[in-house]
Amino acid sequence: MQRYITLLISLICLVSGLQAQEFQEITSGAGYARQSFVNLTSGTEKTIENEAYDLAFTVYDGFNVGIFINESSGIDPVKNPSLNFYDVHQTDFSAVPNKDSLNSWEIYNDEQSWQSGALNLAADPKNPFDFGWGDYNPANHQIIGKRIFAVKLRNGEYKKFKIESFINGAYTIRWANLDNSGDETLTFKTSDFAGNKFAYFNFATGKISSLEPDGSFDLWYTRYKTPLDAGGGQILIYNVLGLLSAPGVEVAQANEINPATVALINYADSFSIQPDVIGHDWKYFTDNVYKILTNRAYFVKSISGTVYKIVFIDFEGATSGTSVFQKTDLGVISAVSKNNLISEFSVFPNPAQSEINLLFTPTENILQNSAIKVFDNGGKLILNQPLNISQGLNAVTLNVSSLLPGVYTVVISSRNEMYSQQVIINK
């Protein structure tokens, strides 16, 4: 009996925070002079100056060699100018680039994947060994740089650079002035940045650093360049302020809905790891003021596994660079194991009254010998429903209106494996 009371108290404490609504404020500073790393679970952000770095090297995945440029800048081109990066279209580092031709070779991140930054986009999609800035040698597992890039720094100076190699978990970058003076090289290990998503390089200091907050981050609030329709069939590159989801974070966008009543279960198959799902278009400029789309919401599966519903309620523009969104905690999709058939499993709402929703992520299609089962607190089987499982995020709704109040165990059984979550029925 004591064990049952302890369990019940623990479950009540666990679910008491679910569906809790909070407001979170984030900022890029006056004139968009800064950018920030946002943690949804802690409700905090770490803000850095736009000038803090120039290149971001992927370090969180052993063989993901995406290299991204810092596109963030303020609205004042004098106080907070932008960086400009170019593909020089040369392979000989000693050759002197023609500065006057660089503008036609400018490159950008595309915000479509954390696998591929601006320095990767020239890769031949038909060649799996081409990473844009360099080629992979399957014989020795080394990536050797082949492409020369240039950058116009915020002070107007030009540098050329090359990613020399990625060997045994270490990047080597080489840079110099366009006339070959000031030639320098830096090598750093990705293992020195354990727990980070990226390592950040600054040409002015010649140093690589860690800029991310402790405990990682979920969203990156920053200015970035993106192609937009300028009308008349013309596409221009604009600098926009928005939110990019961090590597490992998934987002689903709900359009033309009532944000107060929209249900996660209807968007369970819409989650994407594309960084710009939230992006910049939750706001728009009209009559000289910014307004918020009132019929849109986002579901964000954070680094911690907690799913949040996010609804923007305010954006103050360049005066402060501040945005405010309402954040609703929808609960944790619990990790099981990467080696199991089901890698994640969640049941909500909890406590429940008339129905419960199951979210789970199988690692493969499981079309037979699977079922959802519900047991009461005494171990009696109350419900047994066959189940077809497809790879990716799955969603199932169960009617539990006939169940008496109490603690129940919801089980997904598949082949010889079982995955369970407890739920309280409270009427």
Protein backbone atom coordinates (compact mmCIF):
# COMPACT_ATOMS: atom_id res chain seq x y z
CA MET A 1 0.00 0.00 0.00
CA GLN A 2 2.81 2.39 0.87
CA ARG A 3 4.48 1.63 -2.46
CA TYR A 4 1.22 2.45 -4.28
CA ILE A 5 0.86 5.78 -2.43
CA THR A 6 4.48 6.68 -3.18
CA LEU A 7 3.99 5.81 -6.84
CA LEU A 8 0.80 7.84 -7.04
CA ILE A 9 2.41 10.88 -5.43
CA SER A 10 5.37 10.59 -7.81
CA LEU A 11 3.08 10.43 -10.82
CA ILE A 12 1.04 13.40 -9.65
CA CYS A 13 4.23 15.42 -9.19
CA LEU A 14 5.43 14.30 -12.59
CA VAL A 15 2.35 15.37 -14.48
CA SER A 16 1.53 18.50 -12.48
CA GLY A 17 3.76 20.54 -14.76
CA LEU A 18 2.29 19.17 -17.97
CA GLN A 19 0.20 21.58 -19.99
CA ALA A 20 1.77 24.42 -17.94
CA GLN A 21 1.94 27.64 -19.91
CA GLU A 22 4.79 30.11 -19.65
CA PHE A 23 6.00 33.14 -21.54
CA GLN A 24 9.57 33.24 -22.79
CA GLU A 25 11.31 36.38 -23.99
CA ILE A 26 14.29 36.28 -26.35
CA THR A 27 16.32 39.11 -27.83
CA SER A 28 18.82 39.99 -30.53
CA GLY A 29 19.43 43.44 -29.06
CA ALA A 30 18.80 46.90 -30.44
CA GLY A 31 19.49 46.99 -34.16
CA TYR A 32 19.81 43.18 -34.21
CA ALA A 33 23.43 43.49 -33.07
CA ARG A 34 23.40 40.12 -31.30
CA GLN A 35 22.17 36.55 -31.60
CA SER A 36 21.15 34.09 -28.93
CA PHE A 37 20.99 30.39 -28.11
CA VAL A 38 17.62 29.53 -26.57
CA ASN A 39 16.95 26.66 -24.15
CA LEU A 40 13.24 25.90 -23.87
CA THR A 41 13.44 23.59 -20.87
CA SER A 42 15.34 26.02 -18.64
CA GLY A 43 13.62 29.07 -20.16
CA THR A 44 17.00 30.77 -20.65
CA GLU A 45 19.12 32.14 -23.48
CA LYS A 46 22.77 32.93 -24.01
CA THR A 47 23.37 36.05 -26.09
CA ILE A 48 26.54 36.71 -28.09
CA GLU A 49 27.66 39.58 -30.31
CA ASN A 50 27.34 39.04 -34.05
CA GLU A 51 31.10 39.58 -34.35
CA ALA A 52 31.90 36.67 -32.01
CA TYR A 53 32.65 34.24 -34.84
CA ASP A 54 32.92 33.91 -38.63
CA LEU A 55 32.73 30.16 -39.30
CA ALA A 56 30.90 27.38 -37.42
CA PHE A 57 32.39 23.87 -37.72
CA THR A 58 30.18 20.87 -36.95
CA VAL A 59 31.60 18.90 -33.99
CA TYR A 60 28.65 16.91 -32.60
CA ASP A 61 28.67 14.08 -35.14
CA GLY A 62 31.82 12.17 -35.93
CA PHE A 63 31.41 12.27 -39.71
CA ASN A 64 29.22 15.31 -40.23
CA VAL A 65 31.57 17.93 -41.66
CA GLY A 66 29.09 20.72 -42.33
CA ILE A 67 30.75 24.14 -42.18
CA PHE A 68 28.53 27.21 -41.86
CA ILE A 69 29.17 30.92 -42.29
CA ASN A 70 27.96 33.59 -39.88
CA GLU A 71 25.33 35.51 -41.83
CA SER A 72 24.10 37.58 -38.90
CA SER A 73 24.45 41.35 -38.96
CA GLY A 74 22.63 44.38 -37.62
CA ILE A 75 20.50 46.79 -39.62
CA ASP A 76 23.16 49.53 -39.41
CA PRO A 77 25.84 48.62 -42.01
CA VAL A 78 28.35 50.92 -40.30
CA LYS A 79 27.90 49.91 -36.66
CA ASN A 80 27.20 46.23 -37.33
CA PRO A 81 28.20 45.29 -40.89
CA SER A 82 27.85 41.88 -42.47
CA LEU A 83 30.40 39.31 -43.53
CA ASN A 84 30.53 38.29 -47.18
CA PHE A 85 31.84 34.88 -48.25
CA TYR A 86 32.85 33.77 -51.73
CA ASP A 87 33.79 30.61 -53.60
CA VAL A 88 36.94 31.76 -55.39
CA HIS A 89 36.73 28.98 -58.03
CA GLN A 90 40.41 28.19 -57.58
CA THR A 91 42.25 25.20 -56.11
CA ASP A 92 45.75 26.71 -55.87
CA PHE A 93 46.05 28.54 -52.54
CA SER A 94 49.01 30.60 -53.75
CA ALA A 95 47.04 32.08 -56.67
CA VAL A 96 45.88 35.66 -56.02
CA PRO A 97 42.09 35.99 -56.37
CA ASN A 98 40.63 38.84 -58.41
CA LYS A 99 38.83 40.90 -55.76
CA ASP A 100 36.66 42.62 -58.37
CA SER A 101 35.10 39.31 -59.49
CA LEU A 102 34.22 38.01 -56.05
CA ASN A 103 30.75 39.56 -55.85
CA SER A 104 29.45 37.22 -58.54
CA TRP A 105 30.63 34.23 -56.50
CA GLU A 106 29.06 35.00 -53.13
CA ILE A 107 27.85 31.97 -51.15
CA TYR A 108 25.23 31.49 -48.42
CA ASN A 109 23.95 28.86 -46.01
CA ASP A 110 20.64 27.43 -47.21
CA GLU A 111 19.17 26.59 -43.75
CA GLN A 112 17.81 23.31 -45.13
CA SER A 113 20.04 20.94 -43.18
CA TRP A 114 22.72 20.90 -40.51
CA GLN A 115 24.60 18.45 -42.72
CA SER A 116 25.47 21.07 -45.30
CA GLY A 117 26.60 24.67 -44.79
CA ALA A 118 27.73 27.30 -47.28
CA LEU A 119 31.13 25.62 -47.65
CA ASN A 120 29.47 22.30 -48.55
CA LEU A 121 26.91 23.47 -51.12
CA ALA A 122 29.20 23.11 -54.15
CA ALA A 123 29.34 19.34 -53.59
CA ASP A 124 28.31 17.11 -56.48
CA PRO A 125 25.07 15.43 -55.27
CA LYS A 126 25.90 12.39 -57.41
CA ASN A 127 29.27 11.90 -55.70
CA PRO A 128 28.93 10.67 -52.09
CA PHE A 129 32.62 11.40 -51.47
CA ASP A 130 32.33 15.11 -52.37
CA PHE A 131 31.75 17.36 -49.34
CA GLY A 132 32.08 20.64 -51.24
CA TRP A 133 35.13 22.04 -49.48
CA GLY A 134 36.94 18.71 -49.78
CA ASP A 135 36.87 15.09 -50.98
CA TYR A 136 36.66 11.96 -48.85
CA ASN A 137 39.15 9.17 -49.40
CA PRO A 138 37.51 5.85 -48.40
CA ALA A 139 40.91 4.14 -48.26
CA ASN A 140 42.21 6.19 -45.31
CA HIS A 141 38.95 7.88 -44.14
CA GLN A 142 40.41 11.36 -44.60
CA ILE A 143 38.79 14.43 -46.14
CA ILE A 144 41.29 16.58 -48.02
CA GLY A 145 40.39 20.17 -48.90
CA LYS A 146 40.25 21.21 -52.56
CA ARG A 147 38.34 24.49 -52.74
CA ILE A 148 39.56 28.03 -52.00
CA PHE A 149 37.17 30.51 -50.37
CA ALA A 150 37.39 34.21 -49.57
CA VAL A 151 35.75 36.43 -46.99
CA LYS A 152 35.23 40.15 -46.74
CA LEU A 153 35.49 40.84 -43.02
CA ARG A 154 33.36 43.36 -41.16
CA ASN A 155 36.22 45.89 -41.24
CA GLY A 156 36.41 45.66 -45.04
CA GLU A 157 39.56 43.53 -45.20
CA TYR A 158 39.69 40.43 -47.39
CA LYS A 159 41.06 37.01 -46.51
CA LYS A 160 41.29 33.83 -48.50
CA PHE A 161 41.05 30.48 -46.77
CA LYS A 162 40.91 26.75 -47.26
CA ILE A 163 39.79 23.88 -45.09
CA GLU A 164 42.92 21.81 -45.50
CA SER A 165 41.62 18.57 -44.08
CA PHE A 166 39.53 16.62 -41.62
CA ILE A 167 41.66 13.77 -40.29
CA ASN A 168 41.06 11.61 -37.20
CA GLY A 169 38.47 14.02 -35.83
CA ALA A 170 40.58 17.14 -36.37
CA TYR A 171 39.95 20.06 -38.73
CA THR A 172 42.79 22.13 -40.19
CA ILE A 173 42.06 25.58 -41.60
CA ARG A 174 44.52 27.78 -43.49
CA TRP A 175 44.03 31.51 -44.19
CA ALA A 176 45.97 34.48 -45.54
CA ASN A 177 45.61 37.89 -47.12
CA LEU A 178 44.72 37.80 -50.82
CA ASP A 179 48.36 38.61 -51.74
CA ASN A 180 49.58 35.59 -49.69
CA SER A 181 50.93 37.63 -46.78
CA GLY A 182 49.90 36.72 -43.25
CA ASP A 183 49.64 32.99 -44.04
CA GLU A 184 48.41 31.08 -40.95
CA THR A 185 47.19 27.59 -40.08
CA LEU A 186 45.14 26.23 -37.19
CA THR A 187 44.29 22.63 -36.28
CA PHE A 188 41.72 21.71 -33.64
CA LYS A 189 40.07 18.51 -32.47
CA THR A 190 36.29 18.08 -32.35
CA SER A 191 36.76 16.14 -29.11
CA ASP A 192 37.81 19.38 -27.43
CA PHE A 193 34.22 20.59 -27.87
CA ALA A 194 32.34 17.62 -26.45
CA GLY A 195 28.72 18.50 -25.73
CA ASN A 196 28.70 21.33 -28.28
CA LYS A 197 27.04 21.38 -31.68
CA PHE A 198 29.65 23.62 -33.30
CA ALA A 199 33.10 25.09 -32.78
CA TYR A 200 33.36 28.76 -33.71
CA PHE A 201 36.29 30.30 -35.62
CA ASN A 202 37.14 34.01 -35.78
CA PHE A 203 39.54 35.32 -38.45
CA ALA A 204 40.36 38.47 -36.48
CA THR A 205 41.66 36.53 -33.48
CA GLY A 206 42.72 33.38 -35.32
CA LYS A 207 41.11 31.33 -32.56
CA ILE A 208 38.53 28.59 -32.29
CA SER A 209 36.15 28.80 -29.33
CA SER A 210 33.05 27.46 -27.61
CA LEU A 211 30.17 29.94 -27.56
CA GLU A 212 27.20 27.74 -26.72
CA PRO A 213 25.48 27.67 -23.31
CA ASP A 214 26.00 24.84 -20.85
CA GLY A 215 23.30 22.24 -21.28
CA SER A 216 23.01 22.80 -25.04
CA PHE A 217 20.27 24.77 -26.80
CA ASP A 218 17.06 24.19 -28.75
CA LEU A 219 16.65 27.28 -30.92
CA TRP A 220 19.04 29.79 -32.47
CA TYR A 221 17.65 33.35 -32.64
CA THR A 222 19.66 35.10 -35.31
CA ARG A 223 19.69 37.03 -38.55
CA TYR A 224 20.38 34.96 -41.66
CA LYS A 225 20.20 35.42 -45.42
CA THR A 226 17.45 33.79 -47.43
CA PRO A 227 15.97 34.16 -50.94
CA LEU A 228 12.61 35.99 -51.01
CA ASP A 229 10.24 36.92 -53.79
CA ALA A 230 10.69 40.63 -54.56
CA GLY A 231 7.84 40.64 -57.06
CA GLY A 232 7.87 40.61 -60.83
CA GLY A 233 9.51 37.22 -60.85
CA GLN A 234 12.62 38.58 -59.14
CA ILE A 235 14.26 36.68 -56.28
CA LEU A 236 16.55 38.62 -53.96
CA ILE A 237 18.69 37.61 -51.00
CA TYR A 238 17.37 39.27 -47.83
CA ASN A 239 18.71 39.33 -44.29
CA VAL A 240 15.90 38.20 -41.99
CA LEU A 241 15.57 37.64 -38.24
CA GLY A 242 14.22 34.29 -37.20
CA LEU A 243 14.58 31.09 -35.22
CA LEU A 244 16.53 28.08 -36.43
CA SER A 245 16.06 24.78 -34.62
CA ALA A 246 19.27 23.24 -33.30
CA PRO A 247 20.63 19.88 -34.52
CA GLY A 248 18.58 17.12 -32.91
CA VAL A 249 15.49 19.31 -32.45
CA GLU A 250 12.32 18.52 -34.42
CA VAL A 251 9.58 21.02 -35.28
CA ALA A 252 6.06 20.76 -36.71
CA GLN A 253 4.19 23.81 -37.98
CA ALA A 254 0.41 24.18 -37.62
CA ASN A 255 -1.20 26.69 -39.98
CA GLU A 256 -4.67 28.24 -40.15
CA ILE A 257 -5.60 26.99 -36.67
CA ASN A 258 -6.76 28.27 -33.31
CA PRO A 259 -3.53 28.20 -31.24
CA ALA A 260 -5.50 27.70 -28.02
CA THR A 261 -7.14 24.46 -29.19
CA VAL A 262 -4.76 22.99 -31.77
CA ALA A 263 -3.81 19.41 -30.86
CA LEU A 264 -0.37 17.87 -31.17
CA ILE A 265 -1.86 14.53 -32.21
CA ASN A 266 -2.92 16.04 -35.54
CA TYR A 267 0.65 17.04 -36.39
CA ALA A 268 2.55 14.02 -35.09
CA ASP A 269 3.56 13.00 -38.60
CA SER A 270 4.67 16.53 -39.56
CA PHE A 271 7.82 16.85 -37.45
CA SER A 272 10.92 17.87 -39.39
CA ILE A 273 14.61 18.30 -38.56
CA GLN A 274 14.93 21.07 -41.19
CA PRO A 275 16.40 24.05 -39.29
CA ASP A 276 14.10 26.78 -40.64
CA VAL A 277 10.64 25.32 -39.99
CA ILE A 278 9.98 28.16 -37.54
CA GLY A 279 12.14 30.57 -39.50
CA HIS A 280 11.15 34.22 -39.87
CA ASP A 281 7.63 34.25 -41.34
CA TRP A 282 5.65 34.10 -38.06
CA LYS A 283 5.78 37.90 -38.28
CA TYR A 284 5.15 40.36 -41.08
CA PHE A 285 5.61 44.08 -41.68
CA THR A 286 2.62 46.25 -42.57
CA ASP A 287 1.65 49.89 -42.02
CA ASN A 288 5.17 50.54 -40.62
CA VAL A 289 4.76 48.03 -37.78
CA TYR A 290 5.44 44.35 -37.26
CA LYS A 291 2.47 42.07 -36.64
CA ILE A 292 2.26 38.44 -35.54
CA LEU A 293 0.40 35.66 -37.35
CA THR A 294 -2.39 34.79 -34.92
CA ASN A 295 -3.41 31.52 -36.58
CA ARG A 296 -0.13 29.64 -36.36
CA ALA A 297 1.55 27.45 -33.75
CA TYR A 298 4.66 25.31 -33.61
CA PHE A 299 5.31 22.02 -31.85
CA VAL A 300 8.95 21.67 -30.84
CA LYS A 301 10.53 18.47 -29.62
CA SER A 302 13.43 19.84 -27.61
CA ILE A 303 16.87 18.40 -26.88
CA SER A 304 15.57 17.20 -23.50
CA GLY A 305 12.78 15.21 -25.19
CA THR A 306 10.04 17.53 -23.93
CA VAL A 307 7.51 18.63 -26.54
CA TYR A 308 6.44 22.29 -26.40
CA LYS A 309 3.71 24.18 -28.18
CA ILE A 310 5.00 27.62 -29.13
CA VAL A 311 2.78 30.55 -30.08
CA PHE A 312 4.34 33.93 -30.82
CA ILE A 313 2.61 36.89 -29.22
CA ASP A 314 4.98 39.84 -29.72
CA PHE A 315 7.89 41.15 -31.78
CA GLU A 316 9.32 44.60 -31.11
CA GLY A 317 11.41 45.00 -34.26
CA ALA A 318 14.83 46.63 -34.38
CA THR A 319 14.13 48.86 -31.38
CA SER A 320 15.06 46.02 -29.05
CA GLY A 321 15.12 42.89 -31.22
CA THR A 322 12.87 41.25 -28.62
CA SER A 323 10.33 38.52 -29.29
CA VAL A 324 7.92 36.87 -26.86
CA PHE A 325 6.22 33.51 -27.26
CA GLN A 326 3.86 31.45 -25.15
CA LYS A 327 5.29 28.05 -24.35
CA THR A 328 3.12 25.10 -23.32
CA ASP A 329 4.79 21.99 -21.90
CA LEU A 330 3.11 18.95 -23.51
CA GLY A 331 5.26 16.36 -21.79
CA VAL A 332 8.29 14.22 -22.49
CA ILE A 333 8.64 11.72 -25.27
CA SER A 334 10.78 9.30 -23.32
CA ALA A 335 13.82 7.77 -24.95
CA VAL A 336 13.92 3.98 -24.81
CA SER A 337 17.05 2.78 -26.59
CA LYS A 338 18.54 3.16 -30.04
CA ASN A 339 18.97 -0.61 -30.15
CA ASN A 340 15.29 -1.37 -29.57
CA LEU A 341 12.42 -1.50 -32.05
CA ILE A 342 10.84 1.51 -30.30
CA SER A 343 13.27 4.35 -29.60
CA GLU A 344 10.78 6.81 -27.99
CA PHE A 345 7.40 6.48 -26.31
CA SER A 346 5.05 9.01 -24.71
CA VAL A 347 1.46 9.02 -23.38
CA PHE A 348 -0.51 12.24 -22.87
CA PRO A 349 -2.49 13.95 -21.45
CA ASN A 350 -1.61 12.64 -18.04
CA PRO A 351 -3.86 12.69 -16.00
CA ALA A 352 -6.48 11.87 -18.64
CA GLN A 353 -10.26 11.74 -18.66
CA SER A 354 -11.87 10.44 -21.84
CA GLU A 355 -8.98 9.72 -24.19
CA ILE A 356 -5.21 9.34 -24.27
CA ASN A 357 -2.73 9.90 -27.08
CA LEU A 358 0.30 7.71 -27.73
CA LEU A 359 3.36 9.00 -29.55
CA PHE A 360 6.13 6.53 -30.37
CA THR A 361 9.03 6.25 -32.77
CA PRO A 362 9.89 2.81 -34.18
CA THR A 363 13.19 2.20 -35.90
CA GLU A 364 11.59 0.13 -38.67
CA ASN A 365 8.23 -0.89 -40.14
CA ILE A 366 6.54 -3.49 -37.92
CA LEU A 367 3.42 -4.70 -39.68
CA GLN A 368 2.69 -7.82 -37.61
CA ASN A 369 2.67 -9.08 -34.02
CA SER A 370 2.22 -5.64 -32.47
CA ALA A 371 -0.49 -4.40 -30.11
CA ILE A 372 -1.47 -1.71 -27.63
CA LYS A 373 -2.44 -3.09 -24.23
CA VAL A 374 -3.79 -1.39 -21.12
CA PHE A 375 -3.47 -2.99 -17.67
CA ASP A 376 -5.08 -1.83 -14.43
CA ASN A 377 -3.06 -1.41 -11.25
CA GLY A 378 -3.63 -5.06 -10.33
CA GLY A 379 -2.17 -6.30 -13.60
CA LYS A 380 -5.51 -7.19 -15.25
CA LEU A 381 -5.63 -6.74 -19.02
CA ILE A 382 -8.28 -4.11 -19.78
CA LEU A 383 -7.67 -3.44 -23.49
CA ASN A 384 -5.83 -5.29 -26.26
CA GLN A 385 -5.77 -3.60 -29.68
CA PRO A 386 -3.78 -4.83 -32.73
CA LEU A 387 -1.37 -2.30 -34.15
CA ASN A 388 0.44 -1.70 -37.43
CA ILE A 389 3.60 0.36 -36.95
CA SER A 390 5.37 2.38 -39.63
CA GLN A 391 8.88 3.80 -39.33
CA GLY A 392 9.02 7.36 -38.01
CA LEU A 393 6.81 9.15 -35.49
CA ASN A 394 3.48 7.33 -34.94
CA ALA A 395 0.35 8.66 -33.21
CA VAL A 396 -2.60 6.70 -31.82
CA THR A 397 -5.63 7.92 -29.83
CA LEU A 398 -7.38 5.58 -27.36
CA ASN A 399 -10.85 6.09 -25.90
CA VAL A 400 -10.59 5.49 -22.14
CA SER A 401 -13.93 7.02 -21.10
CA SER A 402 -15.14 3.66 -19.78
CA LEU A 403 -12.19 3.22 -17.39
CA LEU A 404 -12.62 3.89 -13.69
CA PRO A 405 -10.34 6.47 -12.01
CA GLY A 406 -6.97 4.99 -11.12
CA VAL A 407 -3.44 4.23 -12.27
CA TYR A 408 -3.07 2.21 -15.48
CA THR A 409 -0.14 0.92 -17.49
CA VAL A 410 -0.17 1.45 -21.24
CA VAL A 411 1.98 -1.02 -23.16
CA ILE A 412 3.13 -1.30 -26.74
CA SER A 413 4.12 -4.89 -27.42
CA SER A 414 6.02 -5.69 -30.60
CA ARG A 415 7.55 -9.04 -31.40
CA ASN A 416 9.29 -10.00 -28.17
CA GLU A 417 9.66 -6.47 -26.79
CA MET A 418 7.39 -4.40 -24.54
CA TYR A 419 7.38 -0.64 -23.85
CA SER A 420 5.26 0.83 -21.08
CA GLN A 421 4.12 4.16 -19.63
CA GLN A 422 1.84 4.72 -16.65
CA VAL A 423 -1.12 7.04 -16.87
CA ILE A 424 -3.64 8.33 -14.34
CA ILE A 425 -7.32 8.32 -15.23
CA ASN A 426 -8.92 11.13 -13.25
CA LYS A 427 -12.60 12.05 -13.76
